[in-house]
Amino acid sequence: MKWLINTIGGFIVLAIEWLVKKIGVKVTVGAFIIPIYVSFIAFMFAFYGYTILFMMKIWNLIKEYFPKAFDYSSASGSFAGLSSHTITSSTMAFLHESGLADAFSNAMNLFLSILSLYFALQLYKVIMYIRKNMNEIITSLFTLLVR
């Protein structure tokens, strides 16, 4: 396994050397940083989009179900305002009529927004690492090539 890692590392160093010889240090650093910045921006947009979608769905659920929470007109022979027949006849009908399907959908949107934020934070860490170290690595490789 160590030989495989060394081989891959050697190919990466050869590719960086070739890029530095052909296009220079600054363009090589840009070639590594620009795709990471673009994916960081994409994950931030996804995070904000899913977060706004989640908040809008929660707001719609509050507007729809809050007045029904204090309506006790159909409380006899039922659970949460639903008749026993509705609960036992169809699980999917129960999920939709009780609002659990919307709750699962909202939970998935919240999960995707948190996942997008996690990936955006990880990409931010990668960006900071690359900005800190990549320029030094490529500059030292360039000085080794010049010698």
N, C-alpha and C. Protein backbone atom coordinates (compact mmCIF):
# COMPACT_ATOMS: atom_id res chain seq x y z
N MET A 1 0.82 -1.19 0.00
CA MET A 1 0.00 0.00 0.00
C MET A 1 0.86 1.26 0.00
N LYS A 2 2.02 1.17 0.68
CA LYS A 2 2.90 2.33 0.75
C LYS A 2 3.45 2.69 -0.62
N TRP A 3 3.75 1.66 -1.44
CA TRP A 3 4.27 1.93 -2.77
C TRP A 3 3.22 2.62 -3.64
N LEU A 4 1.95 2.27 -3.43
CA LEU A 4 0.88 2.90 -4.20
C LEU A 4 0.75 4.38 -3.84
N ILE A 5 0.82 4.67 -2.54
CA ILE A 5 0.74 6.07 -2.10
C ILE A 5 1.94 6.85 -2.62
N ASN A 6 3.14 6.24 -2.56
CA ASN A 6 4.34 6.91 -3.08
C ASN A 6 4.25 7.14 -4.59
N THR A 7 3.70 6.17 -5.31
CA THR A 7 3.55 6.32 -6.76
C THR A 7 2.59 7.44 -7.10
N ILE A 8 1.45 7.47 -6.41
CA ILE A 8 0.47 8.54 -6.66
C ILE A 8 1.06 9.89 -6.29
N GLY A 9 1.76 9.96 -5.16
CA GLY A 9 2.41 11.21 -4.78
C GLY A 9 3.45 11.64 -5.79
N GLY A 10 4.20 10.69 -6.34
CA GLY A 10 5.19 11.01 -7.37
C GLY A 10 4.55 11.56 -8.62
N PHE A 11 3.43 10.95 -9.04
CA PHE A 11 2.72 11.46 -10.21
C PHE A 11 2.18 12.87 -9.97
N ILE A 12 1.70 13.12 -8.76
CA ILE A 12 1.19 14.46 -8.44
C ILE A 12 2.32 15.48 -8.48
N VAL A 13 3.49 15.11 -7.92
CA VAL A 13 4.64 16.03 -7.95
C VAL A 13 5.10 16.26 -9.38
N LEU A 14 5.12 15.21 -10.22
CA LEU A 14 5.48 15.39 -11.62
C LEU A 14 4.50 16.30 -12.34
N ALA A 15 3.21 16.14 -12.04
CA ALA A 15 2.20 17.00 -12.67
C ALA A 15 2.37 18.45 -12.24
N ILE A 16 2.66 18.66 -10.95
CA ILE A 16 2.88 20.04 -10.47
C ILE A 16 4.14 20.63 -11.09
N GLU A 17 5.20 19.83 -11.19
CA GLU A 17 6.43 20.32 -11.84
C GLU A 17 6.16 20.72 -13.28
N TRP A 18 5.42 19.88 -14.01
CA TRP A 18 5.11 20.17 -15.41
C TRP A 18 4.28 21.45 -15.52
N LEU A 19 3.27 21.59 -14.63
CA LEU A 19 2.45 22.80 -14.66
C LEU A 19 3.28 24.04 -14.35
N VAL A 20 4.16 23.94 -13.36
CA VAL A 20 4.98 25.10 -13.00
C VAL A 20 5.90 25.48 -14.15
N LYS A 21 6.48 24.48 -14.84
CA LYS A 21 7.35 24.78 -15.97
C LYS A 21 6.57 25.43 -17.12
N LYS A 22 5.37 24.94 -17.37
CA LYS A 22 4.60 25.43 -18.52
C LYS A 22 3.92 26.77 -18.27
N ILE A 23 3.28 26.93 -17.10
CA ILE A 23 2.43 28.11 -16.93
C ILE A 23 2.80 28.98 -15.74
N GLY A 24 3.72 28.59 -14.92
CA GLY A 24 4.16 29.44 -13.82
C GLY A 24 3.51 29.10 -12.50
N VAL A 25 4.04 29.71 -11.44
CA VAL A 25 3.61 29.39 -10.08
C VAL A 25 2.21 29.91 -9.80
N LYS A 26 1.95 31.18 -10.14
CA LYS A 26 0.66 31.79 -9.77
C LYS A 26 -0.50 31.11 -10.48
N VAL A 27 -0.32 30.77 -11.75
CA VAL A 27 -1.40 30.10 -12.49
C VAL A 27 -1.61 28.69 -11.96
N THR A 28 -0.53 28.02 -11.56
CA THR A 28 -0.66 26.68 -10.99
C THR A 28 -1.42 26.72 -9.67
N VAL A 29 -1.11 27.68 -8.83
CA VAL A 29 -1.85 27.83 -7.57
C VAL A 29 -3.31 28.13 -7.86
N GLY A 30 -3.57 28.99 -8.83
CA GLY A 30 -4.95 29.29 -9.22
C GLY A 30 -5.68 28.07 -9.75
N ALA A 31 -4.96 27.20 -10.49
CA ALA A 31 -5.58 25.99 -11.01
C ALA A 31 -6.01 25.05 -9.90
N PHE A 32 -5.34 25.09 -8.77
CA PHE A 32 -5.74 24.25 -7.65
C PHE A 32 -6.81 24.92 -6.79
N ILE A 33 -6.75 26.23 -6.66
CA ILE A 33 -7.64 26.92 -5.73
C ILE A 33 -9.01 27.22 -6.33
N ILE A 34 -9.08 27.58 -7.61
CA ILE A 34 -10.35 28.00 -8.21
C ILE A 34 -11.43 26.93 -8.13
N PRO A 35 -11.18 25.65 -8.47
CA PRO A 35 -12.26 24.65 -8.33
C PRO A 35 -12.73 24.48 -6.88
N ILE A 36 -11.83 24.62 -5.93
CA ILE A 36 -12.23 24.50 -4.53
C ILE A 36 -13.10 25.67 -4.12
N TYR A 37 -12.74 26.89 -4.56
CA TYR A 37 -13.58 28.05 -4.27
C TYR A 37 -14.97 27.91 -4.90
N VAL A 38 -15.02 27.42 -6.13
CA VAL A 38 -16.31 27.26 -6.81
C VAL A 38 -17.18 26.25 -6.08
N SER A 39 -16.61 25.13 -5.66
CA SER A 39 -17.41 24.15 -4.93
C SER A 39 -17.82 24.68 -3.56
N PHE A 40 -16.98 25.48 -2.92
CA PHE A 40 -17.34 26.11 -1.64
C PHE A 40 -18.56 27.02 -1.83
N ILE A 41 -18.53 27.84 -2.87
CA ILE A 41 -19.66 28.73 -3.13
C ILE A 41 -20.92 27.93 -3.44
N ALA A 42 -20.78 26.83 -4.20
CA ALA A 42 -21.94 26.00 -4.52
C ALA A 42 -22.54 25.39 -3.26
N PHE A 43 -21.71 24.90 -2.35
CA PHE A 43 -22.24 24.32 -1.11
C PHE A 43 -22.87 25.39 -0.22
N MET A 44 -22.33 26.60 -0.22
CA MET A 44 -22.96 27.67 0.56
C MET A 44 -24.33 28.03 -0.01
N PHE A 45 -24.44 28.09 -1.35
CA PHE A 45 -25.74 28.34 -1.96
C PHE A 45 -26.72 27.22 -1.61
N ALA A 46 -26.24 25.97 -1.64
CA ALA A 46 -27.12 24.84 -1.29
C ALA A 46 -27.56 24.94 0.16
N PHE A 47 -26.64 25.30 1.05
CA PHE A 47 -27.00 25.44 2.46
C PHE A 47 -28.07 26.51 2.65
N TYR A 48 -27.84 27.68 2.06
CA TYR A 48 -28.83 28.75 2.22
C TYR A 48 -30.16 28.38 1.57
N GLY A 49 -30.11 27.73 0.42
CA GLY A 49 -31.35 27.31 -0.24
C GLY A 49 -32.14 26.33 0.59
N TYR A 50 -31.48 25.28 1.08
CA TYR A 50 -32.19 24.29 1.89
C TYR A 50 -32.65 24.87 3.22
N THR A 51 -31.88 25.78 3.80
CA THR A 51 -32.30 26.39 5.06
C THR A 51 -33.53 27.26 4.86
N ILE A 52 -33.54 28.05 3.80
CA ILE A 52 -34.71 28.88 3.52
C ILE A 52 -35.92 28.01 3.21
N LEU A 53 -35.71 26.94 2.44
CA LEU A 53 -36.82 26.02 2.14
C LEU A 53 -37.36 25.39 3.41
N PHE A 54 -36.47 24.99 4.32
CA PHE A 54 -36.90 24.40 5.58
C PHE A 54 -37.71 25.40 6.40
N MET A 55 -37.22 26.64 6.50
CA MET A 55 -37.95 27.64 7.29
C MET A 55 -39.30 27.97 6.66
N MET A 56 -39.36 28.00 5.33
CA MET A 56 -40.64 28.28 4.68
C MET A 56 -41.63 27.14 4.91
N LYS A 57 -41.15 25.89 4.87
CA LYS A 57 -42.05 24.76 5.13
C LYS A 57 -42.54 24.76 6.57
N ILE A 58 -41.66 25.06 7.51
CA ILE A 58 -42.08 25.14 8.91
C ILE A 58 -43.12 26.24 9.09
N TRP A 59 -42.90 27.38 8.46
CA TRP A 59 -43.86 28.48 8.55
C TRP A 59 -45.21 28.07 7.98
N ASN A 60 -45.21 27.38 6.84
CA ASN A 60 -46.47 26.93 6.25
C ASN A 60 -47.16 25.92 7.15
N LEU A 61 -46.40 25.02 7.76
CA LEU A 61 -47.01 24.05 8.67
C LEU A 61 -47.60 24.74 9.89
N ILE A 62 -46.91 25.73 10.42
CA ILE A 62 -47.45 26.46 11.58
C ILE A 62 -48.73 27.17 11.19
N LYS A 63 -48.73 27.82 10.03
CA LYS A 63 -49.94 28.53 9.58
C LYS A 63 -51.10 27.56 9.35
N GLU A 64 -50.79 26.35 8.86
CA GLU A 64 -51.85 25.41 8.54
C GLU A 64 -52.37 24.66 9.77
N TYR A 65 -51.47 24.20 10.63
CA TYR A 65 -51.88 23.30 11.71
C TYR A 65 -52.10 23.98 13.05
N PHE A 66 -51.63 25.18 13.25
CA PHE A 66 -51.85 25.85 14.53
C PHE A 66 -53.33 26.09 14.82
N PRO A 67 -54.13 26.56 13.86
CA PRO A 67 -55.57 26.70 14.16
C PRO A 67 -56.25 25.35 14.42
N LYS A 68 -55.77 24.29 13.77
CA LYS A 68 -56.38 22.97 13.96
C LYS A 68 -56.02 22.36 15.32
N ALA A 69 -54.96 22.84 15.94
CA ALA A 69 -54.52 22.27 17.22
C ALA A 69 -55.53 22.51 18.33
N PHE A 70 -56.29 23.59 18.22
CA PHE A 70 -57.27 23.92 19.25
C PHE A 70 -58.69 23.65 18.81
N ASP A 71 -58.86 22.87 17.74
CA ASP A 71 -60.19 22.51 17.25
C ASP A 71 -60.53 21.11 17.77
N TYR A 72 -61.46 21.05 18.71
CA TYR A 72 -61.83 19.76 19.31
C TYR A 72 -63.18 19.28 18.80
N SER A 73 -63.59 19.68 17.62
CA SER A 73 -64.92 19.32 17.13
C SER A 73 -65.03 17.84 16.78
N SER A 74 -63.94 17.20 16.36
CA SER A 74 -64.02 15.79 15.98
C SER A 74 -63.18 14.94 16.92
N ALA A 75 -63.31 15.16 18.21
CA ALA A 75 -62.45 14.47 19.16
C ALA A 75 -62.96 13.09 19.54
N SER A 76 -64.23 12.78 19.32
CA SER A 76 -64.77 11.50 19.77
C SER A 76 -64.39 10.39 18.80
N GLY A 77 -63.91 9.27 19.35
CA GLY A 77 -63.58 8.10 18.53
C GLY A 77 -62.45 8.36 17.55
N SER A 78 -61.54 9.19 17.95
CA SER A 78 -60.46 9.51 17.02
C SER A 78 -59.18 9.78 17.79
N PHE A 79 -58.14 9.91 17.03
CA PHE A 79 -56.84 10.27 17.61
C PHE A 79 -56.32 11.48 16.84
N ALA A 80 -56.06 12.54 17.54
CA ALA A 80 -55.56 13.79 16.95
C ALA A 80 -56.48 14.31 15.86
N GLY A 81 -57.76 14.14 16.05
CA GLY A 81 -58.72 14.66 15.08
C GLY A 81 -58.96 13.76 13.90
N LEU A 82 -58.32 12.59 13.86
CA LEU A 82 -58.51 11.65 12.75
C LEU A 82 -59.35 10.48 13.24
N SER A 83 -60.24 10.01 12.37
CA SER A 83 -61.07 8.87 12.77
C SER A 83 -60.23 7.61 12.83
N SER A 84 -60.72 6.63 13.58
CA SER A 84 -59.99 5.37 13.72
C SER A 84 -59.88 4.65 12.38
N HIS A 85 -60.90 4.78 11.53
CA HIS A 85 -60.88 4.15 10.22
C HIS A 85 -59.74 4.70 9.37
N THR A 86 -59.53 6.00 9.42
CA THR A 86 -58.45 6.61 8.63
C THR A 86 -57.09 6.11 9.09
N ILE A 87 -56.94 5.96 10.39
CA ILE A 87 -55.65 5.52 10.92
C ILE A 87 -55.36 4.08 10.53
N THR A 88 -56.34 3.21 10.62
CA THR A 88 -56.09 1.79 10.35
C THR A 88 -56.21 1.42 8.89
N SER A 89 -56.87 2.20 8.06
CA SER A 89 -57.09 1.78 6.67
C SER A 89 -55.83 1.93 5.82
N SER A 90 -55.12 2.98 5.99
CA SER A 90 -53.97 3.21 5.12
C SER A 90 -52.88 3.96 5.88
N THR A 91 -51.72 3.39 5.89
CA THR A 91 -50.62 4.04 6.58
C THR A 91 -50.22 5.33 5.89
N MET A 92 -50.19 5.30 4.57
CA MET A 92 -49.81 6.51 3.83
C MET A 92 -50.85 7.60 4.01
N ALA A 93 -52.11 7.21 4.02
CA ALA A 93 -53.15 8.22 4.24
C ALA A 93 -53.00 8.82 5.63
N PHE A 94 -52.68 7.97 6.60
CA PHE A 94 -52.47 8.49 7.95
C PHE A 94 -51.27 9.44 7.98
N LEU A 95 -50.18 9.06 7.30
CA LEU A 95 -49.01 9.93 7.28
C LEU A 95 -49.34 11.29 6.67
N HIS A 96 -50.11 11.27 5.57
CA HIS A 96 -50.42 12.53 4.92
C HIS A 96 -51.43 13.35 5.70
N GLU A 97 -52.44 12.69 6.26
CA GLU A 97 -53.48 13.45 6.97
C GLU A 97 -53.01 13.94 8.33
N SER A 98 -52.10 13.21 8.95
CA SER A 98 -51.61 13.66 10.26
C SER A 98 -50.47 14.66 10.14
N GLY A 99 -49.93 14.81 8.94
CA GLY A 99 -48.84 15.76 8.74
C GLY A 99 -47.46 15.16 8.91
N LEU A 100 -47.39 13.86 9.16
CA LEU A 100 -46.07 13.24 9.34
C LEU A 100 -45.27 13.20 8.05
N ALA A 101 -45.96 13.08 6.91
CA ALA A 101 -45.23 13.09 5.63
C ALA A 101 -44.55 14.43 5.43
N ASP A 102 -45.25 15.51 5.77
CA ASP A 102 -44.62 16.84 5.69
C ASP A 102 -43.48 16.96 6.68
N ALA A 103 -43.66 16.37 7.86
CA ALA A 103 -42.59 16.44 8.86
C ALA A 103 -41.35 15.68 8.38
N PHE A 104 -41.54 14.51 7.76
CA PHE A 104 -40.40 13.78 7.22
C PHE A 104 -39.72 14.56 6.10
N SER A 105 -40.52 15.19 5.25
CA SER A 105 -39.97 16.01 4.18
C SER A 105 -39.17 17.18 4.74
N ASN A 106 -39.71 17.83 5.77
CA ASN A 106 -38.99 18.94 6.40
C ASN A 106 -37.71 18.46 7.08
N ALA A 107 -37.78 17.30 7.70
CA ALA A 107 -36.58 16.76 8.34
C ALA A 107 -35.50 16.46 7.30
N MET A 108 -35.90 15.98 6.14
CA MET A 108 -34.93 15.72 5.08
C MET A 108 -34.31 17.02 4.57
N ASN A 109 -35.14 18.07 4.43
CA ASN A 109 -34.59 19.37 4.01
C ASN A 109 -33.62 19.92 5.05
N LEU A 110 -33.96 19.76 6.33
CA LEU A 110 -33.05 20.22 7.38
C LEU A 110 -31.74 19.43 7.35
N PHE A 111 -31.85 18.11 7.16
CA PHE A 111 -30.66 17.27 7.08
C PHE A 111 -29.78 17.69 5.90
N LEU A 112 -30.38 17.95 4.73
CA LEU A 112 -29.60 18.36 3.57
C LEU A 112 -28.96 19.72 3.78
N SER A 113 -29.65 20.62 4.47
CA SER A 113 -29.04 21.93 4.72
C SER A 113 -27.86 21.81 5.68
N ILE A 114 -28.00 20.98 6.71
CA ILE A 114 -26.89 20.78 7.64
C ILE A 114 -25.73 20.07 6.95
N LEU A 115 -26.05 19.11 6.07
CA LEU A 115 -25.01 18.42 5.32
C LEU A 115 -24.28 19.37 4.38
N SER A 116 -25.02 20.26 3.73
CA SER A 116 -24.39 21.26 2.86
C SER A 116 -23.49 22.19 3.66
N LEU A 117 -23.95 22.59 4.84
CA LEU A 117 -23.12 23.45 5.70
C LEU A 117 -21.85 22.71 6.13
N TYR A 118 -21.98 21.42 6.46
CA TYR A 118 -20.82 20.63 6.86
C TYR A 118 -19.80 20.58 5.73
N PHE A 119 -20.26 20.28 4.50
CA PHE A 119 -19.34 20.22 3.38
C PHE A 119 -18.73 21.58 3.07
N ALA A 120 -19.52 22.65 3.23
CA ALA A 120 -18.98 23.99 3.01
C ALA A 120 -17.90 24.30 4.04
N LEU A 121 -18.11 23.91 5.30
CA LEU A 121 -17.09 24.15 6.32
C LEU A 121 -15.83 23.32 6.05
N GLN A 122 -16.01 22.09 5.59
CA GLN A 122 -14.84 21.27 5.27
C GLN A 122 -14.07 21.87 4.10
N LEU A 123 -14.80 22.37 3.10
CA LEU A 123 -14.12 23.01 1.98
C LEU A 123 -13.42 24.29 2.41
N TYR A 124 -14.00 25.00 3.37
CA TYR A 124 -13.33 26.19 3.89
C TYR A 124 -12.01 25.81 4.57
N LYS A 125 -12.02 24.71 5.31
CA LYS A 125 -10.78 24.24 5.92
C LYS A 125 -9.74 23.88 4.86
N VAL A 126 -10.21 23.23 3.78
CA VAL A 126 -9.29 22.88 2.69
C VAL A 126 -8.73 24.14 2.04
N ILE A 127 -9.60 25.14 1.83
CA ILE A 127 -9.14 26.40 1.23
C ILE A 127 -8.08 27.05 2.10
N MET A 128 -8.33 27.10 3.40
CA MET A 128 -7.34 27.72 4.29
C MET A 128 -6.03 26.94 4.29
N TYR A 129 -6.10 25.62 4.28
CA TYR A 129 -4.89 24.81 4.24
C TYR A 129 -4.12 25.05 2.95
N ILE A 130 -4.85 25.07 1.84
CA ILE A 130 -4.18 25.26 0.55
C ILE A 130 -3.58 26.66 0.46
N ARG A 131 -4.32 27.65 0.89
CA ARG A 131 -3.77 29.01 0.84
C ARG A 131 -2.53 29.13 1.72
N LYS A 132 -2.50 28.38 2.80
CA LYS A 132 -1.36 28.46 3.71
C LYS A 132 -0.15 27.71 3.15
N ASN A 133 -0.39 26.53 2.62
CA ASN A 133 0.72 25.64 2.29
C ASN A 133 1.04 25.50 0.80
N MET A 134 0.04 25.62 -0.07
CA MET A 134 0.28 25.30 -1.48
C MET A 134 1.27 26.26 -2.13
N ASN A 135 1.17 27.52 -1.82
CA ASN A 135 2.09 28.49 -2.42
C ASN A 135 3.52 28.19 -1.99
N GLU A 136 3.71 27.83 -0.72
CA GLU A 136 5.05 27.48 -0.25
C GLU A 136 5.57 26.22 -0.93
N ILE A 137 4.70 25.23 -1.08
CA ILE A 137 5.12 23.96 -1.70
C ILE A 137 5.52 24.19 -3.15
N ILE A 138 4.68 24.91 -3.89
CA ILE A 138 4.97 25.12 -5.31
C ILE A 138 6.20 26.01 -5.49
N THR A 139 6.35 27.01 -4.65
CA THR A 139 7.53 27.87 -4.74
C THR A 139 8.80 27.08 -4.45
N SER A 140 8.76 26.21 -3.44
CA SER A 140 9.95 25.39 -3.15
C SER A 140 10.22 24.40 -4.28
N LEU A 141 9.16 23.84 -4.89
CA LEU A 141 9.37 22.96 -6.05
C LEU A 141 9.99 23.74 -7.20
N PHE A 142 9.52 24.95 -7.39
CA PHE A 142 10.05 25.77 -8.48
C PHE A 142 11.53 26.09 -8.26
N THR A 143 11.89 26.39 -7.01
CA THR A 143 13.32 26.67 -6.73
C THR A 143 14.16 25.41 -6.91
N LEU A 144 13.60 24.24 -6.61
CA LEU A 144 14.34 23.00 -6.85
C LEU A 144 14.50 22.74 -8.34
N LEU A 145 13.49 23.11 -9.14
CA LEU A 145 13.58 22.90 -10.58
C LEU A 145 14.61 23.83 -11.22
N VAL A 146 14.71 25.03 -10.70
CA VAL A 146 15.64 26.01 -11.27
C VAL A 146 17.08 25.60 -11.02
N ARG A 147 17.35 24.94 -9.90
CA ARG A 147 18.73 24.54 -9.57
C ARG A 147 19.25 23.50 -10.49
